[in-house]
Amino acid sequence: MSKKVLIGVVVGFVAAGVLAAAKKGQQAHRGPSPAMWNKMRRRMEEMPADFPPRVMFDNVEATRANTEEILALMRRDTAGAQDDAEAVATT
């Protein structure tokens, strides 16, 4: 009986560790909140245009805008392809 209890406790600790690691991993990918981005944007606007952190911040902003545009185009193309496939299937 004691071996079964010991194995159960070990399995419980391993499962708790895996769940904690997964939860920590999910939190790491969320990124800054919109309020934090706005605060950083206001601070960066106060800095000189050639200040390296501001250049990096501006590049991040440009990358985010490009990514959103790319995703919108991909969604539009995917929706168009689905409409075309439905039209072919009905004929």
Protein backbone atom coordinates (compact mmCIF):
# COMPACT_ATOMS: atom_id res chain seq x y z
CA MET A 1 0.00 0.00 0.00
CA SER A 2 2.80 2.44 0.77
CA LYS A 3 4.29 2.02 -2.74
CA LYS A 4 0.96 2.98 -4.28
CA VAL A 5 0.70 6.05 -2.07
CA LEU A 6 4.27 7.08 -2.87
CA ILE A 7 3.68 6.66 -6.61
CA GLY A 8 0.45 8.67 -6.35
CA VAL A 9 2.23 11.51 -4.54
CA VAL A 10 5.05 11.57 -7.12
CA VAL A 11 2.57 11.58 -10.01
CA GLY A 12 0.67 14.41 -8.30
CA PHE A 13 3.82 16.52 -7.92
CA VAL A 14 4.82 15.92 -11.54
CA ALA A 15 1.35 16.86 -12.76
CA ALA A 16 1.37 20.02 -10.63
CA GLY A 17 4.78 20.97 -12.02
CA VAL A 18 3.64 20.45 -15.60
CA LEU A 19 0.51 22.54 -15.03
CA ALA A 20 2.52 25.33 -13.37
CA ALA A 21 4.99 25.39 -16.26
CA ALA A 22 2.15 25.50 -18.81
CA LYS A 23 0.45 28.34 -16.98
CA LYS A 24 3.70 30.30 -16.78
CA GLY A 25 4.27 29.73 -20.49
CA GLN A 26 0.83 31.11 -21.35
CA GLN A 27 1.44 34.24 -19.31
CA ALA A 28 4.77 34.87 -20.99
CA HIS A 29 3.14 35.15 -24.44
CA ARG A 30 0.48 37.70 -23.56
CA GLY A 31 2.72 40.76 -23.94
CA PRO A 32 2.13 44.24 -22.59
CA SER A 33 -1.39 45.53 -22.16
CA PRO A 34 -2.67 48.34 -24.41
CA ALA A 35 -2.40 50.75 -21.47
CA MET A 36 1.28 49.84 -21.05
CA TRP A 37 1.91 50.35 -24.80
CA ASN A 38 0.25 53.78 -24.61
CA LYS A 39 2.39 54.75 -21.62
CA MET A 40 5.56 53.58 -23.39
CA ARG A 41 4.52 55.44 -26.54
CA ARG A 42 4.09 58.70 -24.61
CA ARG A 43 7.50 58.26 -22.97
CA MET A 44 9.21 57.44 -26.25
CA GLU A 45 7.75 60.51 -27.94
CA GLU A 46 9.57 62.65 -25.35
CA MET A 47 12.94 61.14 -26.38
CA PRO A 48 15.10 62.24 -29.34
CA ALA A 49 14.28 60.51 -32.65
CA ASP A 50 17.74 58.90 -32.89
CA PHE A 51 17.75 57.56 -29.31
CA PRO A 52 18.28 53.76 -29.68
CA PRO A 53 15.37 52.67 -27.43
CA ARG A 54 13.02 54.94 -29.39
CA VAL A 55 14.28 53.54 -32.70
CA MET A 56 13.63 50.01 -31.41
CA PHE A 57 10.18 50.99 -30.14
CA ASP A 58 9.30 52.58 -33.48
CA ASN A 59 10.43 49.41 -35.27
CA VAL A 60 8.25 47.29 -32.99
CA GLU A 61 5.28 49.55 -33.70
CA ALA A 62 5.90 49.32 -37.47
CA THR A 63 6.25 45.54 -37.26
CA ARG A 64 2.98 45.23 -35.34
CA ALA A 65 1.17 47.37 -37.92
CA ASN A 66 2.61 45.31 -40.79
CA THR A 67 1.67 42.07 -39.06
CA GLU A 68 -1.93 43.23 -38.60
CA GLU A 69 -2.11 44.22 -42.27
CA ILE A 70 -0.69 40.86 -43.38
CA LEU A 71 -3.15 38.96 -41.17
CA ALA A 72 -6.07 40.99 -42.55
CA LEU A 73 -4.98 40.22 -46.12
CA MET A 74 -4.60 36.52 -45.31
CA ARG A 75 -8.06 36.42 -43.72
CA ARG A 76 -9.55 38.13 -46.77
CA ASP A 77 -7.80 35.72 -49.15
CA THR A 78 -8.88 32.73 -47.07
CA ALA A 79 -12.48 33.92 -47.04
CA GLY A 80 -12.32 34.49 -50.82
CA ALA A 81 -10.88 31.01 -51.39
CA GLN A 82 -13.63 29.48 -49.27
CA ASP A 83 -16.28 31.37 -51.26
CA ASP A 84 -14.70 30.13 -54.52
CA ALA A 85 -14.62 26.54 -53.22
CA GLU A 86 -18.29 26.77 -52.22
CA ALA A 87 -19.21 28.14 -55.64
CA VAL A 88 -17.39 25.29 -57.38
CA ALA A 89 -19.02 22.72 -55.07
CA THR A 90 -22.53 24.00 -55.83
CA THR A 91 -22.11 23.90 -59.61
